[in-house]
Amino acid sequence: MKNLLIIFVTFLCFTSCENKNDYEINSDRNYEKSKISLQETEQKSPSSFIVAKGDQTKNFVGQTVIKGTVTNNAKIVTFKDIDVQISFYSKTGTLLEEDHETIYEMVKPGTTKKFKTKYFTPKGTASVGFKVMSAKF
């Protein structure tokens, strides 16, 4: 009877250890699959994960000085060469002009980079809007 109990306990130990290893292997595989899936999603639509914003001032020459930031909200992908569309609006919200600025920086996940640029904006410009158009990874 004692031998039968020892054999049974040994059998339980081996089968439970094997199941645990299978679970760990499957868990690791699922994690890697989800990580690859998230990476693909971030790479397909960088404008969904990068936020550009900023404000404007005038300098003594009459140029509009734009100081802005780009923030990478992705979890895995590092973006670079970020193309930001800058839109100039009147007081009534009418689009006056659009221009593009490329930020030649590596922006790692969860980080923010500053940029500064100067424009001779159209007469009547009251506000500036920012939109990320594309980025490389």
C-alpha atoms as a PDB file:
ATOM      1  CA  MET A   1       0.000   0.000   0.000  1.00  0.00           C
ATOM      2  CA  LYS A   2       2.829   2.369   0.895  1.00  0.00           C
ATOM      3  CA  ASN A   3       4.570   1.679  -2.434  1.00  0.00           C
ATOM      4  CA  LEU A   4       1.362   2.390  -4.326  1.00  0.00           C
ATOM      5  CA  LEU A   5       1.011   5.751  -2.558  1.00  0.00           C
ATOM      6  CA  ILE A   6       4.626   6.705  -3.409  1.00  0.00           C
ATOM      7  CA  ILE A   7       4.093   5.773  -7.057  1.00  0.00           C
ATOM      8  CA  PHE A   8       0.863   7.791  -7.193  1.00  0.00           C
ATOM      9  CA  VAL A   9       2.455  10.897  -5.631  1.00  0.00           C
ATOM     10  CA  THR A  10       5.446  10.634  -7.986  1.00  0.00           C
ATOM     11  CA  PHE A  11       3.100  10.333 -10.960  1.00  0.00           C
ATOM     12  CA  LEU A  12       1.192  13.447  -9.866  1.00  0.00           C
ATOM     13  CA  CYS A  13       4.417  15.437  -9.493  1.00  0.00           C
ATOM     14  CA  PHE A  14       5.628  14.569 -12.985  1.00  0.00           C
ATOM     15  CA  THR A  15       2.302  15.237 -14.677  1.00  0.00           C
ATOM     16  CA  SER A  16       1.741  18.541 -12.888  1.00  0.00           C
ATOM     17  CA  CYS A  17       5.270  19.735 -13.703  1.00  0.00           C
ATOM     18  CA  GLU A  18       4.802  18.835 -17.357  1.00  0.00           C
ATOM     19  CA  ASN A  19       1.526  20.759 -17.548  1.00  0.00           C
ATOM     20  CA  LYS A  20       3.123  23.771 -15.910  1.00  0.00           C
ATOM     21  CA  ASN A  21       5.935  23.787 -18.454  1.00  0.00           C
ATOM     22  CA  ASP A  22       3.431  23.507 -21.299  1.00  0.00           C
ATOM     23  CA  TYR A  23       1.510  26.422 -19.817  1.00  0.00           C
ATOM     24  CA  GLU A  24       4.670  28.520 -19.528  1.00  0.00           C
ATOM     25  CA  ILE A  25       5.653  27.720 -23.115  1.00  0.00           C
ATOM     26  CA  ASN A  26       2.191  28.606 -24.413  1.00  0.00           C
ATOM     27  CA  SER A  27       2.163  31.768 -22.316  1.00  0.00           C
ATOM     28  CA  ASP A  28       5.533  32.828 -23.763  1.00  0.00           C
ATOM     29  CA  ARG A  29       4.322  32.101 -27.294  1.00  0.00           C
ATOM     30  CA  ASN A  30       1.131  34.088 -26.749  1.00  0.00           C
ATOM     31  CA  TYR A  31       3.130  36.991 -25.340  1.00  0.00           C
ATOM     32  CA  GLU A  32       5.456  37.012 -28.355  1.00  0.00           C
ATOM     33  CA  LYS A  33       2.491  36.856 -30.752  1.00  0.00           C
ATOM     34  CA  SER A  34       0.754  39.757 -29.021  1.00  0.00           C
ATOM     35  CA  LYS A  35       4.007  41.750 -29.012  1.00  0.00           C
ATOM     36  CA  ILE A  36       4.458  41.209 -32.756  1.00  0.00           C
ATOM     37  CA  SER A  37       0.819  42.089 -33.357  1.00  0.00           C
ATOM     38  CA  LEU A  38       1.169  45.314 -31.362  1.00  0.00           C
ATOM     39  CA  GLN A  39       4.368  46.187 -33.216  1.00  0.00           C
ATOM     40  CA  GLU A  40       2.671  45.669 -36.588  1.00  0.00           C
ATOM     41  CA  THR A  41      -0.267  47.829 -35.506  1.00  0.00           C
ATOM     42  CA  GLU A  42       2.016  50.650 -34.375  1.00  0.00           C
ATOM     43  CA  GLN A  43       4.039  50.484 -37.591  1.00  0.00           C
ATOM     44  CA  LYS A  44       0.965  50.565 -39.836  1.00  0.00           C
ATOM     45  CA  SER A  45      -0.467  53.779 -38.377  1.00  0.00           C
ATOM     46  CA  PRO A  46       2.199  55.980 -36.790  1.00  0.00           C
ATOM     47  CA  SER A  47      -0.142  58.985 -36.797  1.00  0.00           C
ATOM     48  CA  SER A  48      -2.337  57.141 -34.284  1.00  0.00           C
ATOM     49  CA  PHE A  49       0.556  56.925 -31.816  1.00  0.00           C
ATOM     50  CA  ILE A  50       2.404  60.207 -32.339  1.00  0.00           C
ATOM     51  CA  VAL A  51       0.960  63.487 -31.053  1.00  0.00           C
ATOM     52  CA  ALA A  52       2.232  66.868 -32.257  1.00  0.00           C
ATOM     53  CA  LYS A  53       1.367  70.125 -30.543  1.00  0.00           C
ATOM     54  CA  GLY A  54       2.814  73.544 -29.977  1.00  0.00           C
ATOM     55  CA  ASP A  55       2.267  77.290 -29.927  1.00  0.00           C
ATOM     56  CA  GLN A  56       3.312  80.362 -31.841  1.00  0.00           C
ATOM     57  CA  THR A  57       4.874  83.744 -31.192  1.00  0.00           C
ATOM     58  CA  LYS A  58       6.043  86.563 -33.442  1.00  0.00           C
ATOM     59  CA  ASN A  59       9.687  87.635 -33.587  1.00  0.00           C
ATOM     60  CA  PHE A  60      10.973  91.159 -34.294  1.00  0.00           C
ATOM     61  CA  VAL A  61      11.351  90.403 -38.046  1.00  0.00           C
ATOM     62  CA  GLY A  62       7.678  89.503 -38.369  1.00  0.00           C
ATOM     63  CA  GLN A  63       8.158  85.754 -38.600  1.00  0.00           C
ATOM     64  CA  THR A  64       5.962  83.337 -36.716  1.00  0.00           C
ATOM     65  CA  VAL A  65       8.116  81.222 -34.421  1.00  0.00           C
ATOM     66  CA  ILE A  66       6.593  77.825 -33.755  1.00  0.00           C
ATOM     67  CA  LYS A  67       7.789  75.854 -30.735  1.00  0.00           C
ATOM     68  CA  GLY A  68       6.318  72.388 -30.670  1.00  0.00           C
ATOM     69  CA  THR A  69       6.675  68.853 -29.431  1.00  0.00           C
ATOM     70  CA  VAL A  70       6.124  65.380 -30.824  1.00  0.00           C
ATOM     71  CA  THR A  71       5.252  62.637 -28.345  1.00  0.00           C
ATOM     72  CA  ASN A  72       5.459  58.925 -29.127  1.00  0.00           C
ATOM     73  CA  ASN A  73       2.643  57.103 -27.312  1.00  0.00           C
ATOM     74  CA  ALA A  74       3.529  53.728 -28.851  1.00  0.00           C
ATOM     75  CA  LYS A  75       4.604  50.876 -26.570  1.00  0.00           C
ATOM     76  CA  ILE A  76       7.203  49.176 -28.796  1.00  0.00           C
ATOM     77  CA  VAL A  77       8.114  51.107 -31.956  1.00  0.00           C
ATOM     78  CA  THR A  78      10.676  53.925 -32.095  1.00  0.00           C
ATOM     79  CA  PHE A  79       9.747  56.460 -34.777  1.00  0.00           C
ATOM     80  CA  LYS A  80      12.000  58.809 -36.744  1.00  0.00           C
ATOM     81  CA  ASP A  81      11.714  61.389 -39.544  1.00  0.00           C
ATOM     82  CA  ILE A  82       8.268  62.475 -38.396  1.00  0.00           C
ATOM     83  CA  ASP A  83       6.362  64.552 -40.975  1.00  0.00           C
ATOM     84  CA  VAL A  84       4.178  67.152 -39.245  1.00  0.00           C
ATOM     85  CA  GLN A  85       1.637  69.158 -41.224  1.00  0.00           C
ATOM     86  CA  ILE A  86       1.349  72.694 -39.866  1.00  0.00           C
ATOM     87  CA  SER A  87      -1.898  74.495 -40.698  1.00  0.00           C
ATOM     88  CA  PHE A  88      -2.423  78.238 -40.315  1.00  0.00           C
ATOM     89  CA  TYR A  89      -5.962  79.445 -39.507  1.00  0.00           C
ATOM     90  CA  SER A  90      -7.697  82.820 -39.384  1.00  0.00           C
ATOM     91  CA  LYS A  91      -9.745  84.103 -36.436  1.00  0.00           C
ATOM     92  CA  THR A  92     -12.857  82.595 -38.023  1.00  0.00           C
ATOM     93  CA  GLY A  93     -11.209  79.175 -38.417  1.00  0.00           C
ATOM     94  CA  THR A  94     -10.599  79.449 -42.160  1.00  0.00           C
ATOM     95  CA  LEU A  95      -7.570  77.510 -43.385  1.00  0.00           C
ATOM     96  CA  LEU A  96      -5.099  80.013 -44.810  1.00  0.00           C
ATOM     97  CA  GLU A  97      -2.088  77.856 -45.588  1.00  0.00           C
ATOM     98  CA  GLU A  98      -0.482  74.488 -44.881  1.00  0.00           C
ATOM     99  CA  ASP A  99       3.165  73.562 -44.653  1.00  0.00           C
ATOM    100  CA  HIS A 100       5.197  70.528 -43.606  1.00  0.00           C
ATOM    101  CA  GLU A 101       7.989  70.182 -41.104  1.00  0.00           C
ATOM    102  CA  THR A 102      10.039  66.989 -40.754  1.00  0.00           C
ATOM    103  CA  ILE A 103      11.443  66.196 -37.321  1.00  0.00           C
ATOM    104  CA  TYR A 104      14.707  64.332 -37.929  1.00  0.00           C
ATOM    105  CA  GLU A 105      14.944  62.749 -34.482  1.00  0.00           C
ATOM    106  CA  MET A 106      14.564  59.269 -33.006  1.00  0.00           C
ATOM    107  CA  VAL A 107      11.523  59.330 -30.735  1.00  0.00           C
ATOM    108  CA  LYS A 108      11.459  56.279 -28.491  1.00  0.00           C
ATOM    109  CA  PRO A 109       8.230  54.925 -26.994  1.00  0.00           C
ATOM    110  CA  GLY A 110       6.904  57.169 -24.232  1.00  0.00           C
ATOM    111  CA  THR A 111       9.263  60.057 -25.012  1.00  0.00           C
ATOM    112  CA  THR A 112       8.819  63.608 -26.311  1.00  0.00           C
ATOM    113  CA  LYS A 113      11.073  65.649 -28.584  1.00  0.00           C
ATOM    114  CA  LYS A 114      10.962  69.417 -29.033  1.00  0.00           C
ATOM    115  CA  PHE A 115      11.190  71.267 -32.333  1.00  0.00           C
ATOM    116  CA  LYS A 116      11.336  74.898 -33.359  1.00  0.00           C
ATOM    117  CA  THR A 117      10.738  76.473 -36.749  1.00  0.00           C
ATOM    118  CA  LYS A 118      10.033  79.883 -38.268  1.00  0.00           C
ATOM    119  CA  TYR A 119       7.578  80.896 -41.001  1.00  0.00           C
ATOM    120  CA  PHE A 120       6.365  84.014 -42.702  1.00  0.00           C
ATOM    121  CA  THR A 121       2.713  83.198 -42.213  1.00  0.00           C
ATOM    122  CA  PRO A 122      -0.165  84.559 -44.261  1.00  0.00           C
ATOM    123  CA  LYS A 123      -1.747  87.812 -43.167  1.00  0.00           C
ATOM    124  CA  GLY A 124      -4.536  87.238 -40.655  1.00  0.00           C
ATOM    125  CA  THR A 125      -3.081  84.086 -39.071  1.00  0.00           C
ATOM    126  CA  ALA A 126      -4.592  83.690 -35.629  1.00  0.00           C
ATOM    127  CA  SER A 127      -3.844  80.066 -34.763  1.00  0.00           C
ATOM    128  CA  VAL A 128      -1.774  77.098 -35.809  1.00  0.00           C
ATOM    129  CA  GLY A 129      -2.758  73.419 -35.992  1.00  0.00           C
ATOM    130  CA  PHE A 130      -0.564  70.327 -36.046  1.00  0.00           C
ATOM    131  CA  LYS A 131      -1.163  66.917 -37.586  1.00  0.00           C
ATOM    132  CA  VAL A 132       1.253  63.990 -37.909  1.00  0.00           C
ATOM    133  CA  MET A 133       1.167  62.769 -41.492  1.00  0.00           C
ATOM    134  CA  SER A 134       3.774  59.984 -41.470  1.00  0.00           C
ATOM    135  CA  ALA A 135       6.865  58.633 -39.768  1.00  0.00           C
ATOM    136  CA  LYS A 136       9.521  56.016 -40.381  1.00  0.00           C
ATOM    137  CA  PHE A 137      10.524  53.301 -37.947  1.00  0.00           C
END
